[in-house]
Amino acid sequence: QVQLVESGGGLVQAGGSLRLSCAASGRTFSMYAMGWFRQAPGKERDSVAAIRSRGSSTYYADSVKGRFTISRDNAKNMVYLQMNSLKPEDTAAYYCAVLKSWPYEYNYWGQGTQVTVSS
């Protein structure tokens, strides 16, 4: 029953950066592993990153490794995705999600926030 709201998307040029935020409701937020996935129109869903409930470990898709960083602040019920060195191929709607199974099986997600990278 957790509610997720993403923000921080926008239009940036290739090579630029964005920081996405995900605000989660619920007092049991700290129990959940969280992730980000993305989807472009007509494309399959792509996993992006995941983080354990206490932030003890992370997962990144090969396509974003070294460029994106997932983090969380359980005291604030927040998850973040720092996106650096953005490429046009990163253009998609980005979704914050609760993981059902590590590292990219989801059972809840938000409405998404659009990221567009121009060249």
C-alpha atoms as a PDB file:
ATOM      1  CA  GLN A   1       0.000   0.000   0.000  1.00  0.00           C
ATOM      2  CA  VAL A   2       3.017   2.284  -0.249  1.00  0.00           C
ATOM      3  CA  GLN A   3       2.465   5.355  -2.419  1.00  0.00           C
ATOM      4  CA  LEU A   4       5.332   6.567  -4.601  1.00  0.00           C
ATOM      5  CA  VAL A   5       5.755   9.950  -6.259  1.00  0.00           C
ATOM      6  CA  GLU A   6       8.664  10.647  -8.601  1.00  0.00           C
ATOM      7  CA  SER A   7      10.010  14.075  -9.462  1.00  0.00           C
ATOM      8  CA  GLY A   8      13.057  15.763 -10.930  1.00  0.00           C
ATOM      9  CA  GLY A   9      12.797  14.813 -14.579  1.00  0.00           C
ATOM     10  CA  GLY A  10      13.271  17.282 -17.373  1.00  0.00           C
ATOM     11  CA  LEU A  11      15.039  18.149 -20.593  1.00  0.00           C
ATOM     12  CA  VAL A  12      18.832  18.157 -20.600  1.00  0.00           C
ATOM     13  CA  GLN A  13      21.590  18.083 -23.170  1.00  0.00           C
ATOM     14  CA  ALA A  14      23.801  15.067 -23.633  1.00  0.00           C
ATOM     15  CA  GLY A  15      26.500  15.038 -21.000  1.00  0.00           C
ATOM     16  CA  GLY A  16      24.324  16.777 -18.457  1.00  0.00           C
ATOM     17  CA  SER A  17      22.984  15.602 -15.114  1.00  0.00           C
ATOM     18  CA  LEU A  18      19.674  15.183 -13.354  1.00  0.00           C
ATOM     19  CA  ARG A  19      18.729  14.042  -9.879  1.00  0.00           C
ATOM     20  CA  LEU A  20      15.462  12.151  -9.613  1.00  0.00           C
ATOM     21  CA  SER A  21      13.626  11.892  -6.322  1.00  0.00           C
ATOM     22  CA  CYS A  22      11.025   9.442  -5.110  1.00  0.00           C
ATOM     23  CA  ALA A  23       8.875  10.230  -2.096  1.00  0.00           C
ATOM     24  CA  ALA A  24       7.329   7.204  -0.438  1.00  0.00           C
ATOM     25  CA  SER A  25       4.524   7.068   2.059  1.00  0.00           C
ATOM     26  CA  GLY A  26       4.207   4.543   4.836  1.00  0.00           C
ATOM     27  CA  ARG A  27       6.007   3.901   8.078  1.00  0.00           C
ATOM     28  CA  THR A  28       7.424   0.581   6.851  1.00  0.00           C
ATOM     29  CA  PHE A  29       9.359   2.096   3.941  1.00  0.00           C
ATOM     30  CA  SER A  30      12.659   1.045   5.462  1.00  0.00           C
ATOM     31  CA  MET A  31      11.669  -2.615   5.093  1.00  0.00           C
ATOM     32  CA  TYR A  32      11.603  -2.514   1.295  1.00  0.00           C
ATOM     33  CA  ALA A  33      14.249  -2.839  -1.336  1.00  0.00           C
ATOM     34  CA  MET A  34      13.646  -0.112  -3.908  1.00  0.00           C
ATOM     35  CA  GLY A  35      14.470   0.318  -7.542  1.00  0.00           C
ATOM     36  CA  TRP A  36      14.190   2.458 -10.622  1.00  0.00           C
ATOM     37  CA  PHE A  37      13.140   1.303 -14.057  1.00  0.00           C
ATOM     38  CA  ARG A  38      12.560   3.193 -17.263  1.00  0.00           C
ATOM     39  CA  GLN A  39      10.406   2.818 -20.326  1.00  0.00           C
ATOM     40  CA  ALA A  40      10.328   4.645 -23.640  1.00  0.00           C
ATOM     41  CA  PRO A  41       7.309   4.578 -25.954  1.00  0.00           C
ATOM     42  CA  GLY A  42       7.194   1.344 -27.913  1.00  0.00           C
ATOM     43  CA  LYS A  43      10.080  -0.115 -25.921  1.00  0.00           C
ATOM     44  CA  GLU A  44      10.336  -2.783 -23.275  1.00  0.00           C
ATOM     45  CA  ARG A  45      10.765  -1.892 -19.649  1.00  0.00           C
ATOM     46  CA  ASP A  46      14.420  -1.565 -18.629  1.00  0.00           C
ATOM     47  CA  SER A  47      15.669  -2.027 -15.113  1.00  0.00           C
ATOM     48  CA  VAL A  48      18.022   0.761 -14.071  1.00  0.00           C
ATOM     49  CA  ALA A  49      19.073   0.387 -10.454  1.00  0.00           C
ATOM     50  CA  ALA A  50      18.090  -1.083  -7.113  1.00  0.00           C
ATOM     51  CA  ILE A  51      19.046  -0.644  -3.491  1.00  0.00           C
ATOM     52  CA  ARG A  52      18.585  -2.871  -0.462  1.00  0.00           C
ATOM     53  CA  SER A  53      16.337  -1.789   2.398  1.00  0.00           C
ATOM     54  CA  ARG A  54      19.227  -0.483   4.479  1.00  0.00           C
ATOM     55  CA  GLY A  55      21.302   0.596   1.506  1.00  0.00           C
ATOM     56  CA  SER A  56      23.769  -2.207   2.109  1.00  0.00           C
ATOM     57  CA  SER A  57      24.135  -3.088  -1.557  1.00  0.00           C
ATOM     58  CA  THR A  58      23.086  -1.833  -4.956  1.00  0.00           C
ATOM     59  CA  TYR A  59      22.443  -3.079  -8.455  1.00  0.00           C
ATOM     60  CA  TYR A  60      22.947  -1.236 -11.735  1.00  0.00           C
ATOM     61  CA  ALA A  61      22.170  -2.158 -15.278  1.00  0.00           C
ATOM     62  CA  ASP A  62      25.283  -2.345 -17.421  1.00  0.00           C
ATOM     63  CA  SER A  63      24.003   0.525 -19.538  1.00  0.00           C
ATOM     64  CA  VAL A  64      24.094   2.962 -16.602  1.00  0.00           C
ATOM     65  CA  LYS A  65      26.883   1.590 -14.436  1.00  0.00           C
ATOM     66  CA  GLY A  66      29.407   4.270 -13.601  1.00  0.00           C
ATOM     67  CA  ARG A  67      27.018   7.056 -14.560  1.00  0.00           C
ATOM     68  CA  PHE A  68      23.999   6.618 -12.277  1.00  0.00           C
ATOM     69  CA  THR A  69      23.892   6.315  -8.499  1.00  0.00           C
ATOM     70  CA  ILE A  70      20.936   5.139  -6.454  1.00  0.00           C
ATOM     71  CA  SER A  71      20.642   6.159  -2.820  1.00  0.00           C
ATOM     72  CA  ARG A  72      18.031   6.365  -0.095  1.00  0.00           C
ATOM     73  CA  ASP A  73      17.268   8.204   3.103  1.00  0.00           C
ATOM     74  CA  ASN A  74      15.003   6.031   5.212  1.00  0.00           C
ATOM     75  CA  ALA A  75      14.482   8.753   7.804  1.00  0.00           C
ATOM     76  CA  LYS A  76      12.878  10.860   5.068  1.00  0.00           C
ATOM     77  CA  ASN A  77      11.212   8.033   3.131  1.00  0.00           C
ATOM     78  CA  MET A  78      13.129   9.086   0.026  1.00  0.00           C
ATOM     79  CA  VAL A  79      14.936   7.325  -2.807  1.00  0.00           C
ATOM     80  CA  TYR A  80      17.142   9.141  -5.291  1.00  0.00           C
ATOM     81  CA  LEU A  81      18.715   8.504  -8.648  1.00  0.00           C
ATOM     82  CA  GLN A  82      21.649  10.705  -9.545  1.00  0.00           C
ATOM     83  CA  MET A  83      22.114  10.613 -13.308  1.00  0.00           C
ATOM     84  CA  ASN A  84      25.368  11.910 -14.766  1.00  0.00           C
ATOM     85  CA  SER A  85      26.848  11.922 -18.251  1.00  0.00           C
ATOM     86  CA  LEU A  86      23.396  11.524 -19.728  1.00  0.00           C
ATOM     87  CA  LYS A  87      23.025  10.143 -23.227  1.00  0.00           C
ATOM     88  CA  PRO A  88      20.141  10.390 -25.700  1.00  0.00           C
ATOM     89  CA  GLU A  89      19.582   6.658 -25.151  1.00  0.00           C
ATOM     90  CA  ASP A  90      18.639   7.463 -21.550  1.00  0.00           C
ATOM     91  CA  THR A  91      15.498   9.244 -22.730  1.00  0.00           C
ATOM     92  CA  ALA A  92      12.498   7.552 -21.111  1.00  0.00           C
ATOM     93  CA  ALA A  93       9.927   7.807 -18.389  1.00  0.00           C
ATOM     94  CA  TYR A  94      11.579   6.824 -15.119  1.00  0.00           C
ATOM     95  CA  TYR A  95       9.690   4.997 -12.403  1.00  0.00           C
ATOM     96  CA  CYS A  96      10.457   4.431  -8.758  1.00  0.00           C
ATOM     97  CA  ALA A  97       9.358   1.016  -7.551  1.00  0.00           C
ATOM     98  CA  VAL A  98       9.110  -1.295  -4.579  1.00  0.00           C
ATOM     99  CA  LEU A  99      10.918  -4.551  -5.250  1.00  0.00           C
ATOM    100  CA  LYS A 100       9.172  -7.867  -4.848  1.00  0.00           C
ATOM    101  CA  SER A 101      12.351  -9.759  -5.648  1.00  0.00           C
ATOM    102  CA  TRP A 102      15.943  -8.609  -6.051  1.00  0.00           C
ATOM    103  CA  PRO A 103      17.008  -6.897  -8.210  1.00  0.00           C
ATOM    104  CA  TYR A 104      14.258  -6.017 -10.722  1.00  0.00           C
ATOM    105  CA  GLU A 105      10.955  -7.679  -9.932  1.00  0.00           C
ATOM    106  CA  TYR A 106       8.461  -5.018  -8.907  1.00  0.00           C
ATOM    107  CA  ASN A 107       5.100  -4.956  -7.221  1.00  0.00           C
ATOM    108  CA  TYR A 108       4.435  -1.208  -6.804  1.00  0.00           C
ATOM    109  CA  TRP A 109       5.572   1.879  -8.690  1.00  0.00           C
ATOM    110  CA  GLY A 110       4.761   5.521  -9.113  1.00  0.00           C
ATOM    111  CA  GLN A 111       3.447   7.617 -11.970  1.00  0.00           C
ATOM    112  CA  GLY A 112       6.861   8.222 -13.480  1.00  0.00           C
ATOM    113  CA  THR A 113       8.853  11.297 -14.402  1.00  0.00           C
ATOM    114  CA  GLN A 114      10.011  12.063 -17.924  1.00  0.00           C
ATOM    115  CA  VAL A 115      13.694  12.409 -18.752  1.00  0.00           C
ATOM    116  CA  THR A 116      14.602  13.688 -22.197  1.00  0.00           C
ATOM    117  CA  VAL A 117      18.214  13.964 -23.311  1.00  0.00           C
ATOM    118  CA  SER A 118      18.922  15.955 -26.437  1.00  0.00           C
ATOM    119  CA  SER A 119      21.999  15.897 -28.645  1.00  0.00           C
END
